[in-house]
Amino acid sequence: MTVRVQTEDFDVGQEMLGLRQKNPKVGAVASFVGVVRDLNDGDDVSSLTLEHYPGMTERSLEDIVSQAKGRWDIYDALIIHRVGTLLPLDQIVLVLVTGAHRGESFKACEFLMDYLKTRAPFWKKEQTSSGDRWVEARESDKSAAMRWENTRDD
């Protein structure tokens, strides 16, 4: 399991290759890449600033990955989350999950993203044409995360 919080961009292909090469039994790699949108809630977004508490954030992400590994039969997971000021189309987050089969890998990847959106200690501020504003988790994100509370694997 690897968790990184960083200001630098990441190379999805290189990260995927590195994770795949750790285990020759890998039969599936599920992935998600989140990017900065240029429009949110009807306003043009010129940039997004992400803040975190160093140390606490990484521990929280490691705990979320441990939960996924406890629920699904996966080999490994990687989370890279960027912080600092990002521009539209910049990559924000990468989640990779390896396993023997796609089903378990997809579920774990989706779980990781749902929990990252609602439980990871990041603070996001958008710079828009209407001024700066803090971004809260959407109700749809909360609902997506809640569905994992009452089920083991789907």
N, C-alpha and C. Protein backbone atom coordinates (compact mmCIF):
# COMPACT_ATOMS: atom_id res chain seq x y z
N MET A 1 0.85 -1.17 0.00
CA MET A 1 0.00 0.00 0.00
C MET A 1 0.89 1.23 0.00
N THR A 2 0.55 2.15 -0.89
CA THR A 2 1.31 3.40 -0.97
C THR A 2 0.34 4.57 -0.96
N VAL A 3 0.65 5.55 -0.12
CA VAL A 3 -0.13 6.78 -0.03
C VAL A 3 0.84 7.94 -0.14
N ARG A 4 0.56 8.86 -1.07
CA ARG A 4 1.41 10.04 -1.19
C ARG A 4 0.54 11.29 -1.31
N VAL A 5 0.90 12.31 -0.57
CA VAL A 5 0.29 13.63 -0.69
C VAL A 5 1.41 14.53 -1.17
N GLN A 6 1.20 15.21 -2.30
CA GLN A 6 2.30 15.93 -2.93
C GLN A 6 1.79 17.11 -3.74
N THR A 7 2.68 18.04 -4.01
CA THR A 7 2.34 19.17 -4.88
C THR A 7 2.60 18.83 -6.35
N GLU A 8 3.53 17.93 -6.61
CA GLU A 8 3.93 17.60 -7.98
C GLU A 8 2.84 16.80 -8.68
N ASP A 9 2.80 16.94 -10.01
CA ASP A 9 1.92 16.13 -10.84
C ASP A 9 2.42 14.69 -10.83
N PHE A 10 1.62 13.78 -11.33
CA PHE A 10 2.00 12.36 -11.40
C PHE A 10 1.78 11.85 -12.81
N ASP A 11 2.49 10.78 -13.14
CA ASP A 11 2.39 10.13 -14.44
C ASP A 11 1.60 8.83 -14.23
N VAL A 12 0.37 8.80 -14.71
CA VAL A 12 -0.51 7.65 -14.48
C VAL A 12 0.13 6.36 -15.00
N GLY A 13 0.69 6.40 -16.20
CA GLY A 13 1.30 5.21 -16.78
C GLY A 13 2.46 4.68 -15.96
N GLN A 14 3.32 5.57 -15.52
CA GLN A 14 4.47 5.16 -14.70
C GLN A 14 4.02 4.58 -13.36
N GLU A 15 3.03 5.22 -12.75
CA GLU A 15 2.53 4.73 -11.46
C GLU A 15 1.88 3.36 -11.61
N MET A 16 1.12 3.18 -12.69
CA MET A 16 0.46 1.89 -12.92
C MET A 16 1.49 0.80 -13.18
N LEU A 17 2.48 1.11 -13.99
CA LEU A 17 3.54 0.14 -14.28
C LEU A 17 4.25 -0.27 -12.99
N GLY A 18 4.59 0.71 -12.17
CA GLY A 18 5.27 0.41 -10.92
C GLY A 18 4.45 -0.48 -10.00
N LEU A 19 3.15 -0.24 -9.93
CA LEU A 19 2.29 -1.06 -9.07
C LEU A 19 2.13 -2.47 -9.64
N ARG A 20 1.96 -2.57 -10.96
CA ARG A 20 1.81 -3.88 -11.60
C ARG A 20 3.06 -4.74 -11.43
N GLN A 21 4.22 -4.13 -11.51
CA GLN A 21 5.46 -4.89 -11.46
C GLN A 21 5.75 -5.46 -10.08
N LYS A 22 5.03 -5.03 -9.07
CA LYS A 22 5.25 -5.54 -7.72
C LYS A 22 4.75 -6.96 -7.53
N ASN A 23 3.83 -7.42 -8.41
CA ASN A 23 3.22 -8.73 -8.19
C ASN A 23 2.86 -9.35 -9.54
N PRO A 24 3.52 -10.46 -9.93
CA PRO A 24 3.23 -11.08 -11.22
C PRO A 24 1.86 -11.76 -11.28
N LYS A 25 1.17 -11.87 -10.15
CA LYS A 25 -0.15 -12.49 -10.13
C LYS A 25 -1.27 -11.52 -10.49
N VAL A 26 -0.93 -10.24 -10.65
CA VAL A 26 -1.94 -9.22 -10.95
C VAL A 26 -2.65 -9.57 -12.26
N GLY A 27 -3.98 -9.61 -12.19
CA GLY A 27 -4.80 -9.85 -13.38
C GLY A 27 -5.69 -8.67 -13.70
N ALA A 28 -5.74 -7.69 -12.79
CA ALA A 28 -6.60 -6.52 -13.00
C ALA A 28 -6.00 -5.31 -12.31
N VAL A 29 -6.14 -4.17 -12.97
CA VAL A 29 -5.79 -2.88 -12.37
C VAL A 29 -6.98 -1.96 -12.59
N ALA A 30 -7.61 -1.54 -11.51
CA ALA A 30 -8.70 -0.56 -11.60
C ALA A 30 -8.11 0.81 -11.26
N SER A 31 -8.60 1.83 -11.96
CA SER A 31 -8.01 3.15 -11.75
C SER A 31 -9.06 4.25 -11.78
N PHE A 32 -8.71 5.35 -11.13
CA PHE A 32 -9.50 6.58 -11.18
C PHE A 32 -8.54 7.75 -11.14
N VAL A 33 -8.78 8.72 -12.02
CA VAL A 33 -8.02 9.97 -12.01
C VAL A 33 -9.03 11.10 -11.92
N GLY A 34 -8.89 11.94 -10.90
CA GLY A 34 -9.74 13.11 -10.76
C GLY A 34 -9.00 14.34 -11.25
N VAL A 35 -9.72 15.22 -11.95
CA VAL A 35 -9.12 16.44 -12.50
C VAL A 35 -9.93 17.67 -12.08
N VAL A 36 -9.29 18.81 -12.13
CA VAL A 36 -9.94 20.08 -11.80
C VAL A 36 -10.86 20.47 -12.95
N ARG A 37 -12.12 20.76 -12.62
CA ARG A 37 -13.09 21.24 -13.61
C ARG A 37 -12.98 22.75 -13.74
N ASP A 38 -13.37 23.26 -14.90
CA ASP A 38 -13.34 24.72 -15.09
C ASP A 38 -14.68 25.38 -14.78
N LEU A 39 -15.67 24.57 -14.38
CA LEU A 39 -17.00 25.09 -14.06
C LEU A 39 -17.56 24.28 -12.91
N ASN A 40 -18.09 24.95 -11.89
CA ASN A 40 -18.71 24.26 -10.76
C ASN A 40 -19.83 25.13 -10.21
N ASP A 41 -20.98 24.54 -10.01
CA ASP A 41 -22.14 25.25 -9.49
C ASP A 41 -22.43 26.53 -10.27
N GLY A 42 -22.25 26.47 -11.58
CA GLY A 42 -22.58 27.59 -12.44
C GLY A 42 -21.54 28.69 -12.55
N ASP A 43 -20.43 28.56 -11.84
CA ASP A 43 -19.37 29.58 -11.88
C ASP A 43 -18.13 29.04 -12.58
N ASP A 44 -17.47 29.92 -13.33
CA ASP A 44 -16.17 29.58 -13.91
C ASP A 44 -15.16 29.43 -12.78
N VAL A 45 -14.39 28.34 -12.82
CA VAL A 45 -13.36 28.10 -11.81
C VAL A 45 -12.01 28.40 -12.46
N SER A 46 -11.26 29.33 -11.86
CA SER A 46 -9.94 29.66 -12.40
C SER A 46 -8.84 28.83 -11.74
N SER A 47 -9.07 28.40 -10.49
CA SER A 47 -8.12 27.52 -9.81
C SER A 47 -8.78 26.89 -8.60
N LEU A 48 -8.13 25.86 -8.09
CA LEU A 48 -8.59 25.13 -6.91
C LEU A 48 -7.38 24.98 -5.99
N THR A 49 -7.53 25.41 -4.74
CA THR A 49 -6.46 25.27 -3.76
C THR A 49 -6.85 24.19 -2.76
N LEU A 50 -5.97 23.19 -2.62
CA LEU A 50 -6.21 22.09 -1.68
C LEU A 50 -5.23 22.20 -0.53
N GLU A 51 -5.76 22.10 0.69
CA GLU A 51 -4.95 22.16 1.90
C GLU A 51 -5.13 20.86 2.68
N HIS A 52 -4.16 20.56 3.54
CA HIS A 52 -4.24 19.36 4.38
C HIS A 52 -3.38 19.54 5.61
N TYR A 53 -3.54 18.60 6.56
CA TYR A 53 -2.67 18.54 7.73
C TYR A 53 -1.64 17.44 7.49
N PRO A 54 -0.37 17.79 7.23
CA PRO A 54 0.65 16.77 6.99
C PRO A 54 0.70 15.78 8.15
N GLY A 55 0.84 14.52 7.81
CA GLY A 55 0.89 13.46 8.82
C GLY A 55 -0.50 12.92 9.09
N MET A 56 -1.41 13.75 9.53
CA MET A 56 -2.77 13.32 9.80
C MET A 56 -3.46 12.85 8.51
N THR A 57 -3.27 13.58 7.44
CA THR A 57 -3.91 13.23 6.18
C THR A 57 -3.41 11.88 5.68
N GLU A 58 -2.11 11.69 5.69
CA GLU A 58 -1.54 10.42 5.24
C GLU A 58 -2.05 9.25 6.08
N ARG A 59 -2.12 9.43 7.40
CA ARG A 59 -2.64 8.36 8.26
C ARG A 59 -4.09 8.05 7.93
N SER A 60 -4.87 9.06 7.65
CA SER A 60 -6.27 8.86 7.29
C SER A 60 -6.39 8.08 5.98
N LEU A 61 -5.57 8.43 4.99
CA LEU A 61 -5.60 7.72 3.71
C LEU A 61 -5.16 6.27 3.88
N GLU A 62 -4.14 6.04 4.70
CA GLU A 62 -3.69 4.67 4.96
C GLU A 62 -4.79 3.85 5.61
N ASP A 63 -5.55 4.46 6.51
CA ASP A 63 -6.66 3.77 7.17
C ASP A 63 -7.74 3.41 6.15
N ILE A 64 -8.04 4.31 5.24
CA ILE A 64 -9.05 4.04 4.21
C ILE A 64 -8.59 2.88 3.32
N VAL A 65 -7.32 2.86 2.94
CA VAL A 65 -6.79 1.75 2.13
C VAL A 65 -6.86 0.44 2.92
N SER A 66 -6.53 0.47 4.21
CA SER A 66 -6.60 -0.73 5.04
C SER A 66 -8.03 -1.27 5.10
N GLN A 67 -9.00 -0.37 5.18
CA GLN A 67 -10.40 -0.81 5.17
C GLN A 67 -10.74 -1.52 3.86
N ALA A 68 -10.28 -0.97 2.75
CA ALA A 68 -10.55 -1.60 1.45
C ALA A 68 -9.89 -2.97 1.37
N LYS A 69 -8.64 -3.06 1.85
CA LYS A 69 -7.94 -4.35 1.81
C LYS A 69 -8.61 -5.38 2.71
N GLY A 70 -9.26 -4.92 3.77
CA GLY A 70 -9.98 -5.83 4.65
C GLY A 70 -11.31 -6.30 4.08
N ARG A 71 -11.87 -5.55 3.17
CA ARG A 71 -13.18 -5.87 2.60
C ARG A 71 -13.10 -6.67 1.31
N TRP A 72 -12.08 -6.42 0.50
CA TRP A 72 -11.99 -7.07 -0.81
C TRP A 72 -10.65 -7.76 -0.96
N ASP A 73 -10.65 -8.80 -1.79
CA ASP A 73 -9.44 -9.58 -2.04
C ASP A 73 -8.63 -8.87 -3.12
N ILE A 74 -7.87 -7.88 -2.68
CA ILE A 74 -7.02 -7.12 -3.61
C ILE A 74 -5.56 -7.31 -3.20
N TYR A 75 -4.67 -7.10 -4.15
CA TYR A 75 -3.25 -7.24 -3.86
C TYR A 75 -2.65 -5.96 -3.29
N ASP A 76 -2.97 -4.84 -3.90
CA ASP A 76 -2.31 -3.60 -3.50
C ASP A 76 -3.17 -2.41 -3.91
N ALA A 77 -2.83 -1.26 -3.36
CA ALA A 77 -3.52 -0.02 -3.72
C ALA A 77 -2.53 1.13 -3.63
N LEU A 78 -2.78 2.13 -4.44
CA LEU A 78 -1.97 3.35 -4.46
C LEU A 78 -2.92 4.54 -4.49
N ILE A 79 -2.67 5.50 -3.61
CA ILE A 79 -3.39 6.77 -3.66
C ILE A 79 -2.35 7.88 -3.73
N ILE A 80 -2.49 8.73 -4.73
CA ILE A 80 -1.70 9.97 -4.80
C ILE A 80 -2.70 11.11 -4.82
N HIS A 81 -2.56 12.02 -3.88
CA HIS A 81 -3.45 13.18 -3.83
C HIS A 81 -2.60 14.43 -3.81
N ARG A 82 -2.91 15.33 -4.71
CA ARG A 82 -2.13 16.57 -4.79
C ARG A 82 -2.72 17.64 -3.88
N VAL A 83 -1.85 18.54 -3.45
CA VAL A 83 -2.24 19.71 -2.66
C VAL A 83 -1.58 20.93 -3.29
N GLY A 84 -2.03 22.10 -2.84
CA GLY A 84 -1.53 23.34 -3.42
C GLY A 84 -2.56 23.91 -4.38
N THR A 85 -2.14 24.85 -5.19
CA THR A 85 -3.05 25.49 -6.14
C THR A 85 -2.95 24.80 -7.50
N LEU A 86 -4.10 24.35 -7.99
CA LEU A 86 -4.18 23.64 -9.26
C LEU A 86 -5.09 24.40 -10.21
N LEU A 87 -4.87 24.21 -11.49
CA LEU A 87 -5.63 24.88 -12.54
C LEU A 87 -6.58 23.90 -13.22
N PRO A 88 -7.60 24.39 -13.92
CA PRO A 88 -8.49 23.49 -14.64
C PRO A 88 -7.70 22.53 -15.54
N LEU A 89 -8.15 21.29 -15.53
CA LEU A 89 -7.56 20.15 -16.24
C LEU A 89 -6.34 19.55 -15.53
N ASP A 90 -5.83 20.17 -14.47
CA ASP A 90 -4.76 19.55 -13.69
C ASP A 90 -5.29 18.31 -13.00
N GLN A 91 -4.44 17.30 -12.88
CA GLN A 91 -4.79 16.09 -12.14
C GLN A 91 -4.76 16.40 -10.64
N ILE A 92 -5.77 15.87 -9.93
CA ILE A 92 -5.84 16.06 -8.48
C ILE A 92 -5.48 14.77 -7.76
N VAL A 93 -6.11 13.68 -8.16
CA VAL A 93 -5.99 12.44 -7.41
C VAL A 93 -5.87 11.25 -8.35
N LEU A 94 -5.08 10.27 -7.92
CA LEU A 94 -4.95 8.99 -8.61
C LEU A 94 -5.20 7.89 -7.61
N VAL A 95 -6.08 6.97 -7.98
CA VAL A 95 -6.32 5.76 -7.18
C VAL A 95 -6.10 4.57 -8.11
N LEU A 96 -5.23 3.66 -7.71
CA LEU A 96 -4.98 2.42 -8.44
C LEU A 96 -5.18 1.26 -7.48
N VAL A 97 -5.82 0.21 -7.96
CA VAL A 97 -6.03 -1.00 -7.16
C VAL A 97 -5.69 -2.20 -8.03
N THR A 98 -4.87 -3.11 -7.51
CA THR A 98 -4.55 -4.34 -8.23
C THR A 98 -5.18 -5.53 -7.51
N GLY A 99 -5.52 -6.51 -8.33
CA GLY A 99 -6.09 -7.74 -7.79
C GLY A 99 -6.01 -8.83 -8.84
N ALA A 100 -6.50 -10.00 -8.49
CA ALA A 100 -6.51 -11.11 -9.44
C ALA A 100 -7.59 -10.90 -10.49
N HIS A 101 -8.72 -10.28 -10.08
CA HIS A 101 -9.87 -10.14 -10.96
C HIS A 101 -10.44 -8.73 -10.89
N ARG A 102 -11.15 -8.33 -11.94
CA ARG A 102 -11.64 -6.96 -12.05
C ARG A 102 -12.71 -6.61 -11.01
N GLY A 103 -13.59 -7.54 -10.67
CA GLY A 103 -14.70 -7.23 -9.77
C GLY A 103 -14.25 -6.67 -8.44
N GLU A 104 -13.35 -7.37 -7.79
CA GLU A 104 -12.85 -6.92 -6.49
C GLU A 104 -12.08 -5.60 -6.62
N SER A 105 -11.31 -5.50 -7.69
CA SER A 105 -10.51 -4.28 -7.90
C SER A 105 -11.40 -3.07 -8.15
N PHE A 106 -12.44 -3.23 -8.98
CA PHE A 106 -13.37 -2.12 -9.24
C PHE A 106 -14.07 -1.67 -7.96
N LYS A 107 -14.57 -2.63 -7.19
CA LYS A 107 -15.28 -2.28 -5.96
C LYS A 107 -14.37 -1.54 -4.99
N ALA A 108 -13.16 -2.04 -4.82
CA ALA A 108 -12.22 -1.39 -3.90
C ALA A 108 -11.87 0.01 -4.38
N CYS A 109 -11.68 0.18 -5.68
CA CYS A 109 -11.34 1.50 -6.23
C CYS A 109 -12.49 2.48 -6.00
N GLU A 110 -13.71 2.03 -6.23
CA GLU A 110 -14.88 2.89 -6.03
C GLU A 110 -15.04 3.25 -4.55
N PHE A 111 -14.86 2.28 -3.68
CA PHE A 111 -14.91 2.52 -2.23
C PHE A 111 -13.87 3.56 -1.83
N LEU A 112 -12.64 3.40 -2.31
CA LEU A 112 -11.58 4.34 -1.96
C LEU A 112 -11.94 5.76 -2.38
N MET A 113 -12.45 5.92 -3.58
CA MET A 113 -12.83 7.27 -4.03
C MET A 113 -13.99 7.83 -3.22
N ASP A 114 -14.99 7.00 -2.95
CA ASP A 114 -16.14 7.47 -2.16
C ASP A 114 -15.69 7.93 -0.78
N TYR A 115 -14.78 7.20 -0.17
CA TYR A 115 -14.30 7.58 1.16
C TYR A 115 -13.33 8.76 1.09
N LEU A 116 -12.53 8.84 0.04
CA LEU A 116 -11.66 10.01 -0.12
C LEU A 116 -12.48 11.29 -0.22
N LYS A 117 -13.58 11.24 -0.97
CA LYS A 117 -14.40 12.43 -1.17
C LYS A 117 -15.08 12.89 0.12
N THR A 118 -15.32 11.98 1.05
CA THR A 118 -16.13 12.33 2.22
C THR A 118 -15.40 12.23 3.56
N ARG A 119 -14.31 11.47 3.63
CA ARG A 119 -13.68 11.24 4.93
C ARG A 119 -12.22 11.70 5.03
N ALA A 120 -11.60 11.93 3.90
CA ALA A 120 -10.19 12.34 3.94
C ALA A 120 -10.09 13.82 4.31
N PRO A 121 -9.15 14.16 5.19
CA PRO A 121 -9.04 15.55 5.66
C PRO A 121 -8.29 16.46 4.67
N PHE A 122 -9.02 16.83 3.63
CA PHE A 122 -8.56 17.84 2.68
C PHE A 122 -9.55 18.98 2.70
N TRP A 123 -9.05 20.19 2.51
CA TRP A 123 -9.91 21.36 2.42
C TRP A 123 -9.67 21.98 1.07
N LYS A 124 -10.79 22.24 0.35
CA LYS A 124 -10.71 22.73 -1.02
C LYS A 124 -11.34 24.11 -1.11
N LYS A 125 -10.62 25.02 -1.74
CA LYS A 125 -11.16 26.35 -1.98
C LYS A 125 -11.06 26.65 -3.47
N GLU A 126 -12.21 26.98 -4.06
CA GLU A 126 -12.25 27.35 -5.47
C GLU A 126 -12.10 28.86 -5.61
N GLN A 127 -11.36 29.24 -6.63
CA GLN A 127 -11.27 30.64 -7.01
C GLN A 127 -12.15 30.76 -8.26
N THR A 128 -13.25 31.54 -8.14
CA THR A 128 -14.23 31.64 -9.22
C THR A 128 -14.43 33.09 -9.63
N SER A 129 -15.20 33.26 -10.68
CA SER A 129 -15.53 34.61 -11.15
C SER A 129 -16.37 35.37 -10.13
N SER A 130 -17.01 34.64 -9.20
CA SER A 130 -17.83 35.27 -8.15
C SER A 130 -17.07 35.43 -6.84
N GLY A 131 -15.80 35.04 -6.81
CA GLY A 131 -15.00 35.11 -5.59
C GLY A 131 -14.57 33.74 -5.12
N ASP A 132 -13.85 33.70 -4.01
CA ASP A 132 -13.36 32.44 -3.45
C ASP A 132 -14.46 31.79 -2.61
N ARG A 133 -14.48 30.44 -2.63
CA ARG A 133 -15.44 29.72 -1.79
C ARG A 133 -14.89 28.34 -1.44
N TRP A 134 -15.20 27.91 -0.22
CA TRP A 134 -14.83 26.58 0.24
C TRP A 134 -15.78 25.57 -0.39
N VAL A 135 -15.25 24.41 -0.74
CA VAL A 135 -16.03 23.36 -1.39
C VAL A 135 -16.37 22.30 -0.34
N GLU A 136 -17.65 22.02 -0.20
CA GLU A 136 -18.13 20.98 0.72
C GLU A 136 -18.41 19.70 -0.07
N ALA A 137 -18.45 18.57 0.64
CA ALA A 137 -18.85 17.32 0.00
C ALA A 137 -20.30 17.44 -0.47
N ARG A 138 -20.57 16.94 -1.65
CA ARG A 138 -21.92 16.97 -2.20
C ARG A 138 -22.77 15.88 -1.55
N GLU A 139 -24.07 16.07 -1.57
CA GLU A 139 -24.97 15.05 -1.04
C GLU A 139 -24.79 13.73 -1.80
N SER A 140 -24.55 13.82 -3.10
CA SER A 140 -24.34 12.60 -3.88
C SER A 140 -23.07 11.86 -3.44
N ASP A 141 -22.04 12.60 -3.03
CA ASP A 141 -20.82 11.97 -2.52
C ASP A 141 -21.10 11.29 -1.18
N LYS A 142 -21.85 11.96 -0.32
CA LYS A 142 -22.20 11.39 0.98
C LYS A 142 -23.03 10.13 0.81
N SER A 143 -23.99 10.16 -0.10
CA SER A 143 -24.84 8.98 -0.36
C SER A 143 -24.00 7.82 -0.90
N ALA A 144 -23.08 8.13 -1.79
CA ALA A 144 -22.22 7.09 -2.35
C ALA A 144 -21.40 6.42 -1.25
N ALA A 145 -20.87 7.21 -0.33
CA ALA A 145 -20.07 6.65 0.76
C ALA A 145 -20.94 5.87 1.74
N MET A 146 -22.15 6.35 1.99
CA MET A 146 -23.04 5.68 2.95
C MET A 146 -23.42 4.27 2.51
N ARG A 147 -23.49 4.04 1.21
CA ARG A 147 -23.90 2.70 0.77
C ARG A 147 -22.92 1.62 1.20
N TRP A 148 -21.67 2.00 1.47
CA TRP A 148 -20.68 1.02 1.91
C TRP A 148 -20.83 0.70 3.39
N GLU A 149 -21.56 1.52 4.14
CA GLU A 149 -21.70 1.32 5.58
C GLU A 149 -22.46 0.04 5.91
N ASN A 150 -23.43 -0.30 5.08
CA ASN A 150 -24.31 -1.42 5.41
C ASN A 150 -24.07 -2.66 4.56
N THR A 151 -23.00 -2.68 3.80
CA THR A 151 -22.74 -3.84 2.97
C THR A 151 -21.28 -4.23 3.06
N ARG A 152 -21.05 -5.46 2.84
CA ARG A 152 -19.69 -5.99 2.91
C ARG A 152 -18.95 -5.79 1.59
N ASP A 153 -19.61 -6.08 0.48
CA ASP A 153 -18.85 -6.10 -0.77
C ASP A 153 -19.59 -5.60 -2.00
N ASP A 154 -20.70 -4.87 -1.85
CA ASP A 154 -21.28 -4.31 -3.07
C ASP A 154 -22.08 -3.07 -2.85
